[in-house]
C-alpha atoms as a PDB file:
ATOM      1  CA  UNK A   1     -20.507  13.224   7.179  1.00  0.00           C
ATOM      2  CA  UNK A   2     -23.605  11.440   5.924  1.00  0.00           C
ATOM      3  CA  UNK A   3     -25.665  13.508   8.387  1.00  0.00           C
ATOM      4  CA  UNK A   4     -24.211  16.832   7.270  1.00  0.00           C
ATOM      5  CA  UNK A   5     -26.824  18.943   5.411  1.00  0.00           C
ATOM      6  CA  UNK A   6     -24.288  20.293   2.890  1.00  0.00           C
ATOM      7  CA  UNK A   7     -22.056  17.244   2.334  1.00  0.00           C
ATOM      8  CA  UNK A   8     -24.259  14.285   3.256  1.00  0.00           C
ATOM      9  CA  UNK A   9     -25.473  13.617  -0.269  1.00  0.00           C
ATOM     10  CA  UNK A  10     -21.873  13.509  -1.520  1.00  0.00           C
ATOM     11  CA  UNK A  11     -20.829  10.626   0.724  1.00  0.00           C
ATOM     12  CA  UNK A  12     -19.735   7.476  -1.052  1.00  0.00           C
ATOM     13  CA  UNK A  13     -18.700   4.072   0.310  1.00  0.00           C
ATOM     14  CA  UNK A  14     -15.096   5.024  -0.561  1.00  0.00           C
ATOM     15  CA  UNK A  15     -15.121   7.445   2.359  1.00  0.00           C
ATOM     16  CA  UNK A  16     -15.333   4.589   4.883  1.00  0.00           C
ATOM     17  CA  UNK A  17     -11.652   3.684   4.484  1.00  0.00           C
ATOM     18  CA  UNK A  18     -10.686   7.356   4.645  1.00  0.00           C
ATOM     19  CA  UNK A  19     -12.577   8.012   7.886  1.00  0.00           C
ATOM     20  CA  UNK A  20     -11.323   4.745   9.335  1.00  0.00           C
ATOM     21  CA  UNK A  21      -7.792   6.040   8.747  1.00  0.00           C
ATOM     22  CA  UNK A  22      -8.701   9.459  10.208  1.00  0.00           C
ATOM     23  CA  UNK A  23      -9.971   7.909  13.428  1.00  0.00           C
ATOM     24  CA  UNK A  24      -6.791   5.852  13.622  1.00  0.00           C
ATOM     25  CA  UNK A  25      -4.559   8.956  13.619  1.00  0.00           C
ATOM     26  CA  UNK A  26      -4.420  10.659  17.069  1.00  0.00           C
ATOM     27  CA  UNK A  27      -3.338  14.047  15.654  1.00  0.00           C
ATOM     28  CA  UNK A  28      -6.194  14.064  13.166  1.00  0.00           C
ATOM     29  CA  UNK A  29      -8.694  12.914  15.782  1.00  0.00           C
ATOM     30  CA  UNK A  30      -7.623  15.848  17.935  1.00  0.00           C
ATOM     31  CA  UNK A  31      -7.631  18.331  15.045  1.00  0.00           C
ATOM     32  CA  UNK A  32     -11.125  17.261  14.016  1.00  0.00           C
ATOM     33  CA  UNK A  33     -12.410  16.985  17.586  1.00  0.00           C
ATOM     34  CA  UNK A  34     -13.369  13.316  17.387  1.00  0.00           C
ATOM     35  CA  UNK A  35     -15.936  12.474  20.084  1.00  0.00           C
ATOM     36  CA  UNK A  36     -15.674   8.730  20.664  1.00  0.00           C
ATOM     37  CA  UNK A  37     -18.929   8.543  22.607  1.00  0.00           C
ATOM     38  CA  UNK A  38     -20.995  10.248  19.884  1.00  0.00           C
ATOM     39  CA  UNK A  39     -18.930   9.064  16.894  1.00  0.00           C
ATOM     40  CA  UNK A  40     -18.756  12.562  15.464  1.00  0.00           C
ATOM     41  CA  UNK A  41     -16.310  15.313  14.632  1.00  0.00           C
ATOM     42  CA  UNK A  42     -16.884  18.312  16.884  1.00  0.00           C
ATOM     43  CA  UNK A  43     -14.403  20.898  15.524  1.00  0.00           C
ATOM     44  CA  UNK A  44     -16.815  22.509  13.048  1.00  0.00           C
ATOM     45  CA  UNK A  45     -14.322  24.535  10.997  1.00  0.00           C
ATOM     46  CA  UNK A  46     -11.842  21.687  10.612  1.00  0.00           C
ATOM     47  CA  UNK A  47     -14.649  19.211   9.931  1.00  0.00           C
ATOM     48  CA  UNK A  48     -16.032  21.406   7.129  1.00  0.00           C
ATOM     49  CA  UNK A  49     -12.531  21.821   5.724  1.00  0.00           C
ATOM     50  CA  UNK A  50     -12.041  18.057   5.729  1.00  0.00           C
ATOM     51  CA  UNK A  51     -15.367  17.463   3.989  1.00  0.00           C
ATOM     52  CA  UNK A  52     -14.460  20.035   1.345  1.00  0.00           C
ATOM     53  CA  UNK A  53     -11.075  18.401   0.753  1.00  0.00           C
ATOM     54  CA  UNK A  54     -12.915  15.106   0.236  1.00  0.00           C
ATOM     55  CA  UNK A  55     -15.485  16.456  -2.182  1.00  0.00           C
ATOM     56  CA  UNK A  56     -14.202  19.655  -3.768  1.00  0.00           C
ATOM     57  CA  UNK A  57     -16.628  21.672  -5.853  1.00  0.00           C
ATOM     58  CA  UNK A  58     -17.095  22.929  -9.410  1.00  0.00           C
ATOM     59  CA  UNK A  59     -14.090  25.273  -9.072  1.00  0.00           C
ATOM     60  CA  UNK A  60     -11.816  23.244  -6.797  1.00  0.00           C
ATOM     61  CA  UNK A  61     -10.905  19.585  -7.262  1.00  0.00           C
ATOM     62  CA  UNK A  62     -10.967  17.332  -4.224  1.00  0.00           C
ATOM     63  CA  UNK A  63      -7.643  17.175  -2.427  1.00  0.00           C
ATOM     64  CA  UNK A  64      -8.075  13.902  -0.565  1.00  0.00           C
ATOM     65  CA  UNK A  65      -8.770  10.974  -2.844  1.00  0.00           C
ATOM     66  CA  UNK A  66      -7.937   7.954  -0.729  1.00  0.00           C
ATOM     67  CA  UNK A  67      -7.015   6.725   2.716  1.00  0.00           C
ATOM     68  CA  UNK A  68      -3.305   6.979   1.881  1.00  0.00           C
ATOM     69  CA  UNK A  69      -3.670  10.757   1.708  1.00  0.00           C
ATOM     70  CA  UNK A  70      -4.656  10.786   5.381  1.00  0.00           C
ATOM     71  CA  UNK A  71      -1.150   9.845   6.495  1.00  0.00           C
ATOM     72  CA  UNK A  72       0.147  12.837   4.552  1.00  0.00           C
ATOM     73  CA  UNK A  73      -2.594  15.040   5.987  1.00  0.00           C
ATOM     74  CA  UNK A  74      -1.397  14.154   9.490  1.00  0.00           C
ATOM     75  CA  UNK A  75       1.995  15.662   8.638  1.00  0.00           C
ATOM     76  CA  UNK A  76       0.424  18.677   6.974  1.00  0.00           C
ATOM     77  CA  UNK A  77      -1.769  19.705   9.921  1.00  0.00           C
ATOM     78  CA  UNK A  78       1.302  19.688  12.188  1.00  0.00           C
ATOM     79  CA  UNK A  79       2.997  22.320   9.998  1.00  0.00           C
ATOM     80  CA  UNK A  80       1.314  25.772   9.893  1.00  0.00           C
ATOM     81  CA  UNK A  81       2.796  26.708   6.497  1.00  0.00           C
ATOM     82  CA  UNK A  82       1.777  23.392   4.962  1.00  0.00           C
ATOM     83  CA  UNK A  83      -1.714  23.635   6.465  1.00  0.00           C
ATOM     84  CA  UNK A  84      -2.069  27.131   5.039  1.00  0.00           C
ATOM     85  CA  UNK A  85      -1.096  25.787   1.621  1.00  0.00           C
ATOM     86  CA  UNK A  86      -3.594  22.944   1.986  1.00  0.00           C
ATOM     87  CA  UNK A  87      -6.322  25.456   2.788  1.00  0.00           C
ATOM     88  CA  UNK A  88      -5.486  27.462  -0.343  1.00  0.00           C
ATOM     89  CA  UNK A  89      -7.845  26.408  -3.134  1.00  0.00           C
ATOM     90  CA  UNK A  90      -5.070  26.856  -5.688  1.00  0.00           C
ATOM     91  CA  UNK A  91      -2.715  24.399  -3.998  1.00  0.00           C
ATOM     92  CA  UNK A  92      -2.916  20.625  -3.769  1.00  0.00           C
ATOM     93  CA  UNK A  93      -2.135  18.082  -1.100  1.00  0.00           C
ATOM     94  CA  UNK A  94       1.137  17.443  -2.956  1.00  0.00           C
ATOM     95  CA  UNK A  95       2.015  21.152  -2.723  1.00  0.00           C
ATOM     96  CA  UNK A  96       1.360  21.156   1.030  1.00  0.00           C
ATOM     97  CA  UNK A  97       3.309  17.942   1.502  1.00  0.00           C
ATOM     98  CA  UNK A  98       6.239  19.435  -0.417  1.00  0.00           C
ATOM     99  CA  UNK A  99       6.426  22.167   2.229  1.00  0.00           C
ATOM    100  CA  UNK A 100       6.572  19.551   4.983  1.00  0.00           C
ATOM    101  CA  UNK A 101       9.287  17.603   3.208  1.00  0.00           C
ATOM    102  CA  UNK A 102      11.268  20.729   2.390  1.00  0.00           C
ATOM    103  CA  UNK A 103      11.288  21.821   6.019  1.00  0.00           C
ATOM    104  CA  UNK A 104      12.176  18.319   7.186  1.00  0.00           C
ATOM    105  CA  UNK A 105      15.065  18.238   4.742  1.00  0.00           C
ATOM    106  CA  UNK A 106      16.254  21.659   5.886  1.00  0.00           C
ATOM    107  CA  UNK A 107      16.408  20.487   9.508  1.00  0.00           C
ATOM    108  CA  UNK A 108      18.889  17.775   8.492  1.00  0.00           C
ATOM    109  CA  UNK A 109      21.465  20.291   7.308  1.00  0.00           C
ATOM    110  CA  UNK A 110      23.821  19.904  10.275  1.00  0.00           C
ATOM    111  CA  UNK A 111      24.660  16.195   9.847  1.00  0.00           C
ATOM    112  CA  UNK A 112      25.024  16.752   6.104  1.00  0.00           C
ATOM    113  CA  UNK A 113      27.308  19.755   6.643  1.00  0.00           C
ATOM    114  CA  UNK A 114      29.413  17.809   9.160  1.00  0.00           C
ATOM    115  CA  UNK A 115      29.757  14.944   6.685  1.00  0.00           C
ATOM    116  CA  UNK A 116      30.797  17.351   3.916  1.00  0.00           C
ATOM    117  CA  UNK A 117      33.336  19.026   6.215  1.00  0.00           C
ATOM    118  CA  UNK A 118      34.781  15.653   7.236  1.00  0.00           C
ATOM    119  CA  UNK A 119      35.032  14.677   3.574  1.00  0.00           C
ATOM    120  CA  UNK A 120      36.874  17.903   2.754  1.00  0.00           C
ATOM    121  CA  UNK A 121      39.238  17.437   5.692  1.00  0.00           C
ATOM    122  CA  UNK A 122      40.064  13.921   4.496  1.00  0.00           C
ATOM    123  CA  UNK A 123      40.705  15.061   0.932  1.00  0.00           C
ATOM    124  CA  UNK A 124      44.240  14.258  -0.181  1.00  0.00           C
ATOM    125  CA  UNK A 125      46.523  16.769  -1.834  1.00  0.00           C
ATOM    126  CA  UNK A 126      46.421  14.670  -4.996  1.00  0.00           C
ATOM    127  CA  UNK A 127      42.598  14.817  -5.051  1.00  0.00           C
ATOM    128  CA  UNK A 128      42.707  18.590  -4.574  1.00  0.00           C
ATOM    129  CA  UNK A 129      45.206  19.035  -7.383  1.00  0.00           C
ATOM    130  CA  UNK A 130      43.049  16.962  -9.734  1.00  0.00           C
ATOM    131  CA  UNK A 131      39.671  18.595  -9.041  1.00  0.00           C
ATOM    132  CA  UNK A 132      37.685  19.038 -12.221  1.00  0.00           C
ATOM    133  CA  UNK A 133      35.557  22.104 -13.035  1.00  0.00           C
ATOM    134  CA  UNK A 134      32.448  20.492 -11.542  1.00  0.00           C
ATOM    135  CA  UNK A 135      34.221  19.900  -8.221  1.00  0.00           C
ATOM    136  CA  UNK A 136      35.538  23.464  -8.140  1.00  0.00           C
ATOM    137  CA  UNK A 137      32.035  24.799  -8.896  1.00  0.00           C
ATOM    138  CA  UNK A 138      30.531  22.735  -6.073  1.00  0.00           C
ATOM    139  CA  UNK A 139      33.147  24.027  -3.621  1.00  0.00           C
ATOM    140  CA  UNK A 140      32.593  27.606  -4.806  1.00  0.00           C
ATOM    141  CA  UNK A 141      28.829  27.243  -4.373  1.00  0.00           C
ATOM    142  CA  UNK A 142      29.339  25.735  -0.922  1.00  0.00           C
ATOM    143  CA  UNK A 143      31.566  28.652   0.077  1.00  0.00           C
ATOM    144  CA  UNK A 144      29.103  31.249  -1.244  1.00  0.00           C
ATOM    145  CA  UNK A 145      26.084  29.631   0.394  1.00  0.00           C
ATOM    146  CA  UNK A 146      27.807  29.164   3.757  1.00  0.00           C
ATOM    147  CA  UNK A 147      28.943  32.813   3.676  1.00  0.00           C
ATOM    148  CA  UNK A 148      25.386  33.903   2.926  1.00  0.00           C
ATOM    149  CA  UNK A 149      24.019  31.817   5.800  1.00  0.00           C
ATOM    150  CA  UNK A 150      26.631  33.202   8.197  1.00  0.00           C
ATOM    151  CA  UNK A 151      25.718  36.780   7.195  1.00  0.00           C
ATOM    152  CA  UNK A 152      22.035  36.040   7.818  1.00  0.00           C
ATOM    153  CA  UNK A 153      22.803  34.481  11.208  1.00  0.00           C
ATOM    154  CA  UNK A 154      24.948  37.466  12.160  1.00  0.00           C
ATOM    155  CA  UNK A 155      22.218  39.909  11.123  1.00  0.00           C
ATOM    156  CA  UNK A 156      19.582  37.952  13.047  1.00  0.00           C
ATOM    157  CA  UNK A 157      21.729  37.933  16.161  1.00  0.00           C
ATOM    158  CA  UNK A 158      22.307  41.689  15.903  1.00  0.00           C
ATOM    159  CA  UNK A 159      18.556  42.200  15.608  1.00  0.00           C
ATOM    160  CA  UNK A 160      17.971  40.013  18.677  1.00  0.00           C
ATOM    161  CA  UNK A 161      20.606  41.943  20.649  1.00  0.00           C
ATOM    162  CA  UNK A 162      19.028  45.253  19.621  1.00  0.00           C
ATOM    163  CA  UNK A 163      15.618  44.024  20.767  1.00  0.00           C
ATOM    164  CA  UNK A 164      17.012  42.974  24.151  1.00  0.00           C
ATOM    165  CA  UNK A 165      18.757  46.303  24.695  1.00  0.00           C
ATOM    166  CA  UNK A 166      15.562  48.282  23.913  1.00  0.00           C
END
């Protein structure tokens, strides 16, 4: 980065720890095109993006402020939606990371749904008879959301079947 005509003068000693972390992350090395023999980043577009995230400009604050952000960046570059958010000048690293975490949480729905179903199956008659308004509201919301998901799945499957038959 110190040799870059646009960003070289913006390099500070703080960047050493950041780049040390970058080189230690295989996904980031690949994304940036790290050449171990020349000690340089060869993917020009990604390299420029990284430099910009480190420095920002008058209109856009820097998005990467320390080596800890690099571990989050590794997750972000693996997720196209999160990477797109990271590349948006109006969104922060935290915004992009929220997309990653949201999608990771959504993929865990099945074990959570199975646990909820098991809990409902094990519910005693006495517990059912004594449900308060909050419990009834949660069950109603669960029913409505699961019905909505099932309708979406059904519609998606019909669309897939229509595409196959065309």
